[in-house]
Amino acid sequence: MTMSDTWFTDDHATLGDRLAAAREAASMTQTQLAQRLGVRAKTLRDWENDVSEPRANRLQMLAAMLGVSLRWLLTGEGDDVTPPTQEEPGDVALKPALVEIRSLRADMLSMSERLGRLEKALRLQMSNEVTRE
């Protein structure tokens, strides 16, 4: 076996490899996924090529959007992508709904983070006003 035959085995796969595999299993292009995440396509390419790594909040969003566990995305252990050869014929009709659910889940995570930041800013502002009095 040559290195090219084993580049995507559990022993050799990187975060970027798993991210690309999950994206492809979700039938998304790099551009589509980047737009849904709110990042540049180049940023996503850099993640998939292991040039850089996403921050923790983006990792959570990626896992949710792609339907994989965060643990699998980071380590290769746990729930992973289902290879296309294992899909049943009826699954093809349901795939768009699953992709939309993943997208909504990622949007909800993003909104939750935004709400948290807003709450923190308001609490800080309120505490500053109390100390002025």
Protein backbone atom coordinates (compact mmCIF):
# COMPACT_ATOMS: atom_id res chain seq x y z
CA MET A 1 0.00 0.00 0.00
CA THR A 2 1.33 3.43 -0.94
CA MET A 3 0.76 6.64 0.98
CA SER A 4 -1.72 7.77 -1.70
CA ASP A 5 -3.85 4.67 -1.00
CA THR A 6 -4.13 5.51 2.70
CA TRP A 7 -4.39 9.29 2.85
CA PHE A 8 -7.91 9.14 4.30
CA THR A 9 -7.69 6.27 6.72
CA ASP A 10 -8.52 6.86 10.37
CA ASP A 11 -4.79 6.75 11.11
CA HIS A 12 -3.85 9.39 8.54
CA ALA A 13 -6.88 11.70 8.26
CA THR A 14 -6.46 15.25 9.49
CA LEU A 15 -9.07 17.72 10.66
CA GLY A 16 -9.02 19.17 7.15
CA ASP A 17 -9.56 15.73 5.59
CA ARG A 18 -12.53 15.01 7.87
CA LEU A 19 -13.99 18.46 7.23
CA ALA A 20 -13.76 17.98 3.46
CA ALA A 21 -15.27 14.48 3.68
CA ALA A 22 -18.18 15.70 5.81
CA ARG A 23 -18.79 18.64 3.46
CA GLU A 24 -18.80 16.35 0.44
CA ALA A 25 -21.12 13.87 2.21
CA ALA A 26 -23.49 16.80 2.84
CA SER A 27 -23.37 17.57 -0.91
CA MET A 28 -22.04 21.08 -0.39
CA THR A 29 -19.36 22.97 -2.24
CA GLN A 30 -16.69 24.89 -0.38
CA THR A 31 -18.35 28.12 -1.47
CA GLN A 32 -21.78 27.02 -0.21
CA LEU A 33 -20.46 25.95 3.18
CA ALA A 34 -18.36 29.09 3.53
CA GLN A 35 -21.40 31.28 2.81
CA ARG A 36 -23.52 29.44 5.37
CA LEU A 37 -20.78 29.83 7.97
CA GLY A 38 -20.19 33.47 7.14
CA VAL A 39 -16.53 32.99 6.23
CA ARG A 40 -14.58 33.42 3.01
CA ALA A 41 -14.19 30.44 0.70
CA LYS A 42 -10.40 30.83 1.05
CA THR A 43 -10.75 30.45 4.83
CA LEU A 44 -12.63 27.18 4.38
CA ARG A 45 -10.05 25.99 1.83
CA ASP A 46 -7.28 26.76 4.32
CA TRP A 47 -9.10 24.70 6.97
CA GLU A 48 -9.53 21.77 4.58
CA ASN A 49 -5.89 22.00 3.50
CA ASP A 50 -4.74 22.15 7.15
CA VAL A 51 -3.14 25.56 6.62
CA SER A 52 -5.17 26.94 9.53
CA GLU A 53 -7.85 25.73 11.95
CA PRO A 54 -11.28 27.10 12.77
CA ARG A 55 -12.01 28.54 16.20
CA ALA A 56 -14.07 26.51 18.66
CA ASN A 57 -17.35 28.26 17.88
CA ARG A 58 -16.90 27.60 14.15
CA LEU A 59 -16.05 23.96 14.86
CA GLN A 60 -19.36 23.57 16.69
CA MET A 61 -21.21 25.20 13.82
CA LEU A 62 -19.42 23.00 11.28
CA ALA A 63 -20.23 19.82 13.17
CA ALA A 64 -23.89 20.79 13.48
CA MET A 65 -24.20 21.92 9.89
CA LEU A 66 -22.49 18.83 8.49
CA GLY A 67 -24.27 16.36 10.78
CA VAL A 68 -21.16 14.95 12.42
CA SER A 69 -20.07 14.93 16.02
CA LEU A 70 -17.57 17.52 17.18
CA ARG A 71 -15.52 14.67 18.60
CA TRP A 72 -15.32 12.97 15.19
CA LEU A 73 -14.41 16.21 13.46
CA LEU A 74 -11.54 16.80 15.89
CA THR A 75 -10.27 13.25 16.49
CA GLY A 76 -11.86 10.89 13.99
CA GLU A 77 -13.60 9.01 16.81
CA GLY A 78 -17.36 8.83 17.26
CA ASP A 79 -20.16 9.57 14.79
CA ASP A 80 -18.75 10.06 11.33
CA VAL A 81 -19.98 10.67 7.81
CA THR A 82 -21.81 7.92 6.03
CA PRO A 83 -20.05 7.01 2.81
CA PRO A 84 -22.27 7.58 -0.23
CA THR A 85 -22.15 3.87 -1.12
CA GLN A 86 -24.05 3.05 2.08
CA GLU A 87 -27.02 5.28 1.28
CA GLU A 88 -30.34 3.68 0.53
CA PRO A 89 -32.30 4.82 -2.55
CA GLY A 90 -34.98 6.52 -0.41
CA ASP A 91 -32.36 8.59 1.39
CA VAL A 92 -31.66 10.68 -1.73
CA ALA A 93 -35.08 12.37 -1.53
CA LEU A 94 -34.55 13.24 2.14
CA LYS A 95 -31.04 14.67 1.73
CA PRO A 96 -32.16 18.27 0.99
CA ALA A 97 -34.26 18.29 4.16
CA LEU A 98 -31.31 17.01 6.21
CA VAL A 99 -29.03 19.67 4.73
CA GLU A 100 -31.61 22.35 5.60
CA ILE A 101 -31.92 21.01 9.16
CA ARG A 102 -28.14 21.12 9.56
CA SER A 103 -28.10 24.66 8.23
CA LEU A 104 -30.83 25.74 10.64
CA ARG A 105 -28.99 24.11 13.55
CA ALA A 106 -25.84 26.02 12.66
CA ASP A 107 -27.83 29.25 12.34
CA MET A 108 -29.31 28.63 15.79
CA LEU A 109 -25.83 28.14 17.26
CA SER A 110 -24.68 31.36 15.65
CA MET A 111 -27.70 33.26 16.98
CA SER A 112 -27.11 31.83 20.45
CA GLU A 113 -23.53 33.10 20.37
CA ARG A 114 -24.71 36.53 19.25
CA LEU A 115 -27.26 36.63 22.06
CA GLY A 116 -24.55 35.72 24.56
CA ARG A 117 -22.29 38.51 23.35
CA LEU A 118 -25.17 41.00 23.48
CA GLU A 119 -26.11 39.90 27.00
CA LYS A 120 -22.50 40.28 28.13
CA ALA A 121 -22.28 43.78 26.63
CA LEU A 122 -25.53 44.81 28.31
CA ARG A 123 -24.44 43.44 31.68
CA LEU A 124 -21.15 45.32 31.37
CA GLN A 125 -22.95 48.53 30.46
CA MET A 126 -25.39 48.09 33.36
CA SER A 127 -22.58 47.47 35.84
CA ASN A 128 -20.75 50.58 34.58
CA GLU A 129 -23.89 52.67 35.10
CA VAL A 130 -24.33 51.33 38.65
CA THR A 131 -20.75 52.21 39.58
CA ARG A 132 -21.23 55.78 38.29
CA GLU A 133 -24.14 56.40 40.66
